[in-house]
């Protein structure tokens, strides 16, 4: 058993109590790690009468692989979409760079007609979102949307 802390609780329990508020804050977050409002993917969809999307592990893995590849090459593109991610279930893809967090990148895509249209596709039901940082420090983002 751990030695008691200054509060009289075991040291391990004292450490757990310090972590608990952070976990509670995170538990109240929306789908993309933020409140469900217009800066989240599902908040944006809801504001346009679209059904929410569910996070999908396979699409997230595809997004992470593509974001990592763009970061490794330090190039923004859709390389491999038709040959790899499309046949694996991705129906649309948004890419970007420069944003530090997901609310920023969602806003960036909302302000671009093609990206906006992808996020509002009525046929998609799930998504995967990921980012990776290049050696130059640029953060690349990939959003994969699927049915």
N, C-alpha and C. Protein backbone atom coordinates (compact mmCIF):
# COMPACT_ATOMS: atom_id res chain seq x y z
N UNK A 1 0.85 -1.19 0.00
CA UNK A 1 0.00 0.00 0.00
C UNK A 1 0.88 1.24 0.00
N UNK A 2 0.43 2.27 -0.69
CA UNK A 2 1.20 3.51 -0.79
C UNK A 2 1.19 4.25 0.54
N UNK A 3 2.24 4.99 0.78
CA UNK A 3 2.34 5.78 2.00
C UNK A 3 1.32 6.90 1.97
N UNK A 4 0.75 7.26 3.14
CA UNK A 4 -0.23 8.34 3.16
C UNK A 4 0.38 9.67 2.71
N UNK A 5 -0.43 10.48 2.07
CA UNK A 5 0.01 11.81 1.65
C UNK A 5 -0.26 12.78 2.78
N UNK A 6 0.00 14.06 2.57
CA UNK A 6 -0.24 15.07 3.60
C UNK A 6 -1.72 15.14 3.96
N UNK A 7 -2.59 14.76 3.02
CA UNK A 7 -4.03 14.81 3.28
C UNK A 7 -4.51 13.59 4.04
N UNK A 8 -3.64 12.60 4.24
CA UNK A 8 -4.02 11.39 4.93
C UNK A 8 -4.42 10.27 3.99
N UNK A 9 -4.65 10.58 2.71
CA UNK A 9 -5.00 9.57 1.72
C UNK A 9 -3.71 8.94 1.20
N UNK A 10 -3.78 7.70 0.73
CA UNK A 10 -2.59 7.10 0.14
C UNK A 10 -2.09 7.97 -1.01
N UNK A 11 -0.78 8.02 -1.21
CA UNK A 11 -0.19 8.87 -2.24
C UNK A 11 -0.78 8.59 -3.61
N UNK A 12 -1.02 7.31 -3.92
CA UNK A 12 -1.59 6.98 -5.23
C UNK A 12 -2.99 7.57 -5.38
N UNK A 13 -3.77 7.60 -4.32
CA UNK A 13 -5.11 8.16 -4.37
C UNK A 13 -5.03 9.68 -4.53
N UNK A 14 -4.10 10.31 -3.83
CA UNK A 14 -3.91 11.75 -3.95
C UNK A 14 -3.59 12.12 -5.39
N UNK A 15 -2.73 11.33 -6.04
CA UNK A 15 -2.40 11.56 -7.45
C UNK A 15 -3.63 11.40 -8.33
N UNK A 16 -4.44 10.39 -8.06
CA UNK A 16 -5.65 10.15 -8.84
C UNK A 16 -6.63 11.31 -8.70
N UNK A 17 -6.73 11.88 -7.50
CA UNK A 17 -7.64 13.00 -7.29
C UNK A 17 -7.20 14.23 -8.07
N UNK A 18 -5.90 14.39 -8.29
CA UNK A 18 -5.41 15.52 -9.07
C UNK A 18 -5.74 15.34 -10.55
N UNK A 19 -5.82 14.12 -11.01
CA UNK A 19 -6.10 13.83 -12.42
C UNK A 19 -7.59 13.89 -12.72
N UNK A 20 -8.43 13.57 -11.76
CA UNK A 20 -9.87 13.48 -11.95
C UNK A 20 -10.49 14.72 -12.59
N UNK A 21 -10.19 15.95 -12.14
CA UNK A 21 -10.82 17.10 -12.80
C UNK A 21 -10.52 17.18 -14.29
N UNK A 22 -9.32 16.81 -14.70
CA UNK A 22 -8.97 16.83 -16.12
C UNK A 22 -9.84 15.83 -16.87
N UNK A 23 -10.02 14.65 -16.31
CA UNK A 23 -10.85 13.63 -16.95
C UNK A 23 -12.29 14.10 -17.06
N UNK A 24 -12.79 14.76 -16.04
CA UNK A 24 -14.16 15.26 -16.09
C UNK A 24 -14.32 16.32 -17.15
N UNK A 25 -13.34 17.19 -17.30
CA UNK A 25 -13.40 18.21 -18.34
C UNK A 25 -13.42 17.55 -19.71
N UNK A 26 -12.56 16.55 -19.93
CA UNK A 26 -12.51 15.88 -21.21
C UNK A 26 -13.79 15.13 -21.51
N UNK A 27 -14.42 14.57 -20.50
CA UNK A 27 -15.65 13.81 -20.71
C UNK A 27 -16.78 14.69 -21.22
N UNK A 28 -16.73 15.99 -20.96
CA UNK A 28 -17.78 16.89 -21.41
C UNK A 28 -17.56 17.43 -22.81
N UNK A 29 -16.54 16.98 -23.49
CA UNK A 29 -16.23 17.49 -24.81
C UNK A 29 -17.02 16.77 -25.88
N UNK A 30 -17.16 17.42 -27.02
CA UNK A 30 -17.88 16.85 -28.15
C UNK A 30 -17.03 15.89 -28.95
N UNK A 31 -17.52 15.53 -30.11
CA UNK A 31 -16.92 14.53 -30.97
C UNK A 31 -15.47 14.80 -31.33
N UNK A 32 -15.13 16.04 -31.59
CA UNK A 32 -13.76 16.36 -31.99
C UNK A 32 -12.95 16.91 -30.83
N UNK A 33 -13.35 16.66 -29.58
CA UNK A 33 -12.60 17.15 -28.44
C UNK A 33 -12.94 18.60 -28.12
N UNK A 34 -14.15 19.02 -28.45
CA UNK A 34 -14.62 20.38 -28.17
C UNK A 34 -16.13 20.35 -28.06
N UNK A 35 -16.73 21.39 -27.50
CA UNK A 35 -18.19 21.41 -27.40
C UNK A 35 -18.83 21.32 -28.78
N UNK A 36 -20.00 20.68 -28.82
CA UNK A 36 -20.72 20.55 -30.10
C UNK A 36 -21.33 21.91 -30.47
N UNK A 37 -20.62 22.67 -31.24
CA UNK A 37 -21.13 23.93 -31.77
C UNK A 37 -20.71 24.03 -33.22
N UNK A 38 -20.83 25.19 -33.80
CA UNK A 38 -20.55 25.34 -35.23
C UNK A 38 -19.08 25.14 -35.59
N UNK A 39 -18.19 25.08 -34.61
CA UNK A 39 -16.78 24.85 -34.94
C UNK A 39 -16.43 23.37 -34.92
N UNK A 40 -17.38 22.51 -34.64
CA UNK A 40 -17.14 21.07 -34.72
C UNK A 40 -17.80 20.54 -35.99
N UNK A 41 -17.32 19.43 -36.47
CA UNK A 41 -17.88 18.83 -37.67
C UNK A 41 -19.38 18.55 -37.50
N UNK A 42 -19.75 17.87 -36.41
CA UNK A 42 -21.16 17.55 -36.21
C UNK A 42 -21.99 18.79 -35.88
N UNK A 43 -21.42 19.76 -35.20
CA UNK A 43 -22.12 21.01 -34.95
C UNK A 43 -22.41 21.74 -36.25
N UNK A 44 -21.42 21.76 -37.16
CA UNK A 44 -21.60 22.38 -38.46
C UNK A 44 -22.69 21.65 -39.25
N UNK A 45 -22.63 20.32 -39.25
CA UNK A 45 -23.64 19.54 -39.98
C UNK A 45 -25.03 19.80 -39.40
N UNK A 46 -25.14 19.82 -38.07
CA UNK A 46 -26.43 20.05 -37.43
C UNK A 46 -27.00 21.41 -37.80
N UNK A 47 -26.13 22.42 -37.88
CA UNK A 47 -26.61 23.76 -38.22
C UNK A 47 -27.12 23.84 -39.66
N UNK A 48 -26.87 22.79 -40.44
CA UNK A 48 -27.36 22.73 -41.82
C UNK A 48 -28.33 21.57 -42.04
N UNK A 49 -28.90 21.08 -40.94
CA UNK A 49 -29.93 20.05 -41.03
C UNK A 49 -29.42 18.67 -41.40
N UNK A 50 -28.13 18.41 -41.23
CA UNK A 50 -27.55 17.10 -41.55
C UNK A 50 -27.40 16.25 -40.29
N UNK A 51 -27.48 14.95 -40.47
CA UNK A 51 -27.32 14.01 -39.36
C UNK A 51 -25.87 14.02 -38.88
N UNK A 52 -25.66 13.72 -37.60
CA UNK A 52 -24.29 13.66 -37.08
C UNK A 52 -23.55 12.45 -37.65
N UNK A 53 -22.25 12.56 -37.69
CA UNK A 53 -21.39 11.47 -38.13
C UNK A 53 -20.78 10.79 -36.91
N UNK A 54 -20.51 9.51 -37.02
CA UNK A 54 -19.83 8.81 -35.94
C UNK A 54 -18.36 8.65 -36.30
N UNK A 55 -17.53 8.71 -35.29
CA UNK A 55 -16.10 8.50 -35.49
C UNK A 55 -15.87 7.04 -35.86
N UNK A 56 -15.00 6.80 -36.82
CA UNK A 56 -14.75 5.46 -37.32
C UNK A 56 -13.25 5.16 -37.25
N UNK A 57 -12.89 4.06 -36.62
CA UNK A 57 -11.47 3.72 -36.43
C UNK A 57 -10.74 3.53 -37.76
N UNK A 58 -11.38 2.88 -38.73
CA UNK A 58 -10.72 2.64 -40.02
C UNK A 58 -10.48 3.96 -40.76
N UNK A 59 -11.48 4.85 -40.76
CA UNK A 59 -11.31 6.15 -41.42
C UNK A 59 -10.29 7.01 -40.68
N UNK A 60 -10.26 6.91 -39.36
CA UNK A 60 -9.27 7.66 -38.58
C UNK A 60 -7.87 7.16 -38.90
N UNK A 61 -7.71 5.86 -39.04
CA UNK A 61 -6.40 5.30 -39.39
C UNK A 61 -5.97 5.78 -40.78
N UNK A 62 -6.92 5.81 -41.72
CA UNK A 62 -6.60 6.32 -43.07
C UNK A 62 -6.20 7.79 -43.00
N UNK A 63 -6.94 8.58 -42.21
CA UNK A 63 -6.63 10.00 -42.07
C UNK A 63 -5.25 10.19 -41.44
N UNK A 64 -4.94 9.39 -40.42
CA UNK A 64 -3.64 9.50 -39.76
C UNK A 64 -2.51 9.12 -40.71
N UNK A 65 -2.70 8.08 -41.48
CA UNK A 65 -1.68 7.66 -42.45
C UNK A 65 -1.45 8.76 -43.49
N UNK A 66 -2.55 9.33 -43.99
CA UNK A 66 -2.39 10.37 -45.02
C UNK A 66 -1.79 11.65 -44.44
N UNK A 67 -2.24 12.07 -43.26
CA UNK A 67 -1.67 13.26 -42.62
C UNK A 67 -0.18 13.05 -42.37
N UNK A 68 0.18 11.86 -41.90
CA UNK A 68 1.59 11.54 -41.66
C UNK A 68 2.41 11.56 -42.94
N UNK A 69 1.83 11.04 -44.01
CA UNK A 69 2.53 11.03 -45.30
C UNK A 69 2.73 12.45 -45.82
N UNK A 70 1.69 13.28 -45.72
CA UNK A 70 1.84 14.67 -46.16
C UNK A 70 2.91 15.39 -45.32
N UNK A 71 2.90 15.16 -44.01
CA UNK A 71 3.89 15.79 -43.13
C UNK A 71 5.30 15.30 -43.46
N UNK A 72 5.44 14.02 -43.73
CA UNK A 72 6.77 13.46 -44.06
C UNK A 72 7.31 14.10 -45.33
N UNK A 73 6.42 14.30 -46.32
CA UNK A 73 6.83 14.88 -47.60
C UNK A 73 6.74 16.40 -47.59
N UNK A 74 6.09 16.97 -46.57
CA UNK A 74 5.85 18.41 -46.45
C UNK A 74 5.14 18.95 -47.69
N UNK A 75 4.09 18.21 -48.10
CA UNK A 75 3.31 18.54 -49.29
C UNK A 75 1.82 18.30 -48.99
N UNK A 76 0.99 19.26 -49.35
CA UNK A 76 -0.45 19.12 -49.20
C UNK A 76 -1.02 18.54 -50.49
N UNK A 77 -1.68 17.37 -50.40
CA UNK A 77 -2.26 16.76 -51.59
C UNK A 77 -3.25 15.67 -51.22
N UNK A 78 -3.83 15.08 -52.25
CA UNK A 78 -4.77 13.96 -52.09
C UNK A 78 -4.15 12.67 -52.63
N UNK A 79 -2.83 12.60 -52.65
CA UNK A 79 -2.14 11.43 -53.21
C UNK A 79 -2.65 10.14 -52.59
N UNK A 80 -3.02 9.20 -53.44
CA UNK A 80 -3.46 7.88 -52.98
C UNK A 80 -4.94 7.78 -52.66
N UNK A 81 -5.70 8.86 -52.79
CA UNK A 81 -7.11 8.76 -52.44
C UNK A 81 -7.84 7.77 -53.33
N UNK A 82 -7.74 7.95 -54.64
CA UNK A 82 -8.47 7.06 -55.56
C UNK A 82 -7.94 5.64 -55.53
N UNK A 83 -6.64 5.48 -55.31
CA UNK A 83 -6.03 4.15 -55.35
C UNK A 83 -6.09 3.41 -54.01
N UNK A 84 -6.10 4.14 -52.89
CA UNK A 84 -6.01 3.50 -51.58
C UNK A 84 -7.24 3.77 -50.71
N UNK A 85 -7.42 5.01 -50.30
CA UNK A 85 -8.47 5.32 -49.32
C UNK A 85 -9.88 5.17 -49.89
N UNK A 86 -10.09 5.53 -51.15
CA UNK A 86 -11.40 5.36 -51.78
C UNK A 86 -11.85 3.90 -51.78
N UNK A 87 -11.02 2.99 -52.30
CA UNK A 87 -11.41 1.58 -52.29
C UNK A 87 -11.58 0.98 -50.89
N UNK A 88 -10.99 1.64 -49.88
CA UNK A 88 -11.11 1.15 -48.49
C UNK A 88 -12.30 1.76 -47.76
N UNK A 89 -13.12 2.58 -48.46
CA UNK A 89 -14.34 3.09 -47.84
C UNK A 89 -14.46 4.59 -47.71
N UNK A 90 -13.39 5.34 -47.99
CA UNK A 90 -13.49 6.81 -47.93
C UNK A 90 -14.24 7.29 -49.17
N UNK A 91 -15.24 8.15 -48.98
CA UNK A 91 -16.02 8.67 -50.10
C UNK A 91 -15.65 10.11 -50.43
N UNK A 92 -15.07 10.81 -49.47
CA UNK A 92 -14.63 12.20 -49.68
C UNK A 92 -13.48 12.46 -48.72
N UNK A 93 -12.67 13.45 -49.08
CA UNK A 93 -11.50 13.77 -48.26
C UNK A 93 -11.26 15.27 -48.26
N UNK A 94 -10.98 15.81 -47.09
CA UNK A 94 -10.54 17.19 -46.95
C UNK A 94 -9.12 17.17 -46.40
N UNK A 95 -8.26 18.02 -46.92
CA UNK A 95 -6.91 18.17 -46.38
C UNK A 95 -6.63 19.65 -46.17
N UNK A 96 -5.72 19.93 -45.25
CA UNK A 96 -5.35 21.31 -44.95
C UNK A 96 -4.01 21.30 -44.22
N UNK A 97 -3.45 22.49 -44.04
CA UNK A 97 -2.27 22.62 -43.19
C UNK A 97 -2.30 23.98 -42.51
N UNK A 98 -1.57 24.08 -41.42
CA UNK A 98 -1.40 25.36 -40.75
C UNK A 98 -2.20 25.56 -39.48
N UNK A 99 -3.28 24.86 -39.29
CA UNK A 99 -4.08 25.03 -38.08
C UNK A 99 -3.49 24.22 -36.93
N UNK A 100 -3.55 24.80 -35.74
CA UNK A 100 -3.02 24.12 -34.56
C UNK A 100 -4.02 23.16 -33.93
N UNK A 101 -5.32 23.37 -34.20
CA UNK A 101 -6.33 22.52 -33.56
C UNK A 101 -7.51 22.27 -34.50
N UNK A 102 -8.38 21.37 -34.09
CA UNK A 102 -9.50 20.98 -34.96
C UNK A 102 -10.53 22.10 -35.16
N UNK A 103 -10.86 22.94 -34.18
CA UNK A 103 -11.80 24.03 -34.48
C UNK A 103 -11.30 24.94 -35.61
N UNK A 104 -9.99 25.19 -35.62
CA UNK A 104 -9.41 26.03 -36.67
C UNK A 104 -9.56 25.39 -38.04
N UNK A 105 -9.25 24.10 -38.14
CA UNK A 105 -9.30 23.45 -39.45
C UNK A 105 -10.74 23.29 -39.94
N UNK A 106 -11.67 23.04 -39.02
CA UNK A 106 -13.08 22.96 -39.42
C UNK A 106 -13.52 24.31 -39.98
N UNK A 107 -13.17 25.41 -39.31
CA UNK A 107 -13.51 26.76 -39.80
C UNK A 107 -12.89 27.01 -41.18
N UNK A 108 -11.64 26.56 -41.35
CA UNK A 108 -10.97 26.74 -42.64
C UNK A 108 -11.75 26.02 -43.74
N UNK A 109 -12.17 24.78 -43.48
CA UNK A 109 -12.92 24.02 -44.47
C UNK A 109 -14.32 24.60 -44.69
N UNK A 110 -14.96 25.12 -43.65
CA UNK A 110 -16.28 25.73 -43.78
C UNK A 110 -16.22 26.90 -44.77
N UNK A 111 -15.10 27.60 -44.78
CA UNK A 111 -14.94 28.77 -45.66
C UNK A 111 -14.45 28.43 -47.06
N UNK A 112 -14.41 27.16 -47.41
CA UNK A 112 -14.00 26.71 -48.74
C UNK A 112 -15.14 25.89 -49.33
N UNK A 113 -15.67 26.31 -50.46
CA UNK A 113 -16.89 25.69 -50.99
C UNK A 113 -16.77 24.17 -51.21
N UNK A 114 -15.68 23.69 -51.77
CA UNK A 114 -15.53 22.26 -52.01
C UNK A 114 -15.43 21.46 -50.73
N UNK A 115 -14.65 21.97 -49.78
CA UNK A 115 -14.49 21.28 -48.49
C UNK A 115 -15.81 21.30 -47.71
N UNK A 116 -16.47 22.44 -47.77
CA UNK A 116 -17.76 22.61 -47.11
C UNK A 116 -18.77 21.59 -47.67
N UNK A 117 -18.81 21.46 -48.97
CA UNK A 117 -19.72 20.51 -49.60
C UNK A 117 -19.44 19.08 -49.13
N UNK A 118 -18.16 18.72 -49.02
CA UNK A 118 -17.82 17.38 -48.53
C UNK A 118 -18.36 17.15 -47.12
N UNK A 119 -18.20 18.15 -46.25
CA UNK A 119 -18.66 18.00 -44.87
C UNK A 119 -20.17 17.93 -44.75
N UNK A 120 -20.88 18.40 -45.78
CA UNK A 120 -22.35 18.39 -45.76
C UNK A 120 -22.95 17.27 -46.61
N UNK A 121 -22.13 16.38 -47.13
CA UNK A 121 -22.67 15.27 -47.93
C UNK A 121 -23.72 14.52 -47.12
N UNK A 122 -24.94 14.38 -47.66
CA UNK A 122 -25.97 13.68 -46.90
C UNK A 122 -25.74 12.17 -46.81
N UNK A 123 -24.98 11.61 -47.73
CA UNK A 123 -24.79 10.15 -47.76
C UNK A 123 -23.74 9.64 -46.78
N UNK A 124 -22.87 10.50 -46.26
CA UNK A 124 -21.83 10.00 -45.35
C UNK A 124 -22.39 9.84 -43.94
N UNK A 125 -21.87 8.85 -43.23
CA UNK A 125 -22.36 8.55 -41.88
C UNK A 125 -21.25 8.48 -40.85
N UNK A 126 -19.99 8.47 -41.32
CA UNK A 126 -18.87 8.36 -40.38
C UNK A 126 -17.67 9.15 -40.89
N UNK A 127 -16.73 9.37 -39.99
CA UNK A 127 -15.56 10.17 -40.34
C UNK A 127 -14.33 9.71 -39.56
N UNK A 128 -13.17 10.16 -40.05
CA UNK A 128 -11.91 10.02 -39.34
C UNK A 128 -11.14 11.30 -39.54
N UNK A 129 -10.63 11.89 -38.48
CA UNK A 129 -9.88 13.15 -38.53
C UNK A 129 -8.55 12.95 -37.84
N UNK A 130 -7.47 13.41 -38.47
CA UNK A 130 -6.15 13.27 -37.86
C UNK A 130 -5.23 14.37 -38.37
N UNK A 131 -4.14 14.58 -37.63
CA UNK A 131 -3.13 15.55 -38.04
C UNK A 131 -1.75 15.01 -37.73
N UNK A 132 -0.76 15.60 -38.39
CA UNK A 132 0.64 15.25 -38.16
C UNK A 132 1.48 16.48 -38.45
N UNK A 133 2.62 16.58 -37.78
CA UNK A 133 3.49 17.74 -37.93
C UNK A 133 4.74 17.36 -38.71
N UNK A 134 5.07 18.21 -39.69
CA UNK A 134 6.26 17.98 -40.51
C UNK A 134 7.52 18.43 -39.77
N UNK A 135 8.67 18.07 -40.31
CA UNK A 135 9.95 18.50 -39.72
C UNK A 135 10.05 20.02 -39.72
N UNK A 136 9.40 20.68 -40.67
CA UNK A 136 9.43 22.14 -40.74
C UNK A 136 8.49 22.78 -39.71
N UNK A 137 7.69 21.94 -39.02
CA UNK A 137 6.77 22.44 -38.00
C UNK A 137 5.36 22.72 -38.49
N UNK A 138 5.07 22.41 -39.73
CA UNK A 138 3.74 22.63 -40.31
C UNK A 138 2.84 21.45 -39.93
N UNK A 139 1.64 21.77 -39.42
CA UNK A 139 0.67 20.71 -39.07
C UNK A 139 -0.24 20.45 -40.26
N UNK A 140 -0.28 19.19 -40.71
CA UNK A 140 -1.12 18.75 -41.81
C UNK A 140 -2.34 18.02 -41.25
N UNK A 141 -3.49 18.22 -41.86
CA UNK A 141 -4.76 17.62 -41.44
C UNK A 141 -5.36 16.81 -42.58
N UNK A 142 -6.01 15.71 -42.21
CA UNK A 142 -6.78 14.92 -43.17
C UNK A 142 -8.11 14.52 -42.52
N UNK A 143 -9.17 14.71 -43.26
CA UNK A 143 -10.51 14.28 -42.84
C UNK A 143 -11.00 13.31 -43.89
N UNK A 144 -11.30 12.09 -43.46
CA UNK A 144 -11.85 11.07 -44.36
C UNK A 144 -13.32 10.89 -43.99
N UNK A 145 -14.19 10.91 -44.99
CA UNK A 145 -15.62 10.76 -44.79
C UNK A 145 -16.09 9.50 -45.50
N UNK A 146 -16.94 8.71 -44.85
CA UNK A 146 -17.40 7.46 -45.45
C UNK A 146 -18.84 7.14 -45.11
N UNK A 147 -19.33 6.08 -45.72
CA UNK A 147 -20.73 5.65 -45.52
C UNK A 147 -20.82 4.47 -44.58
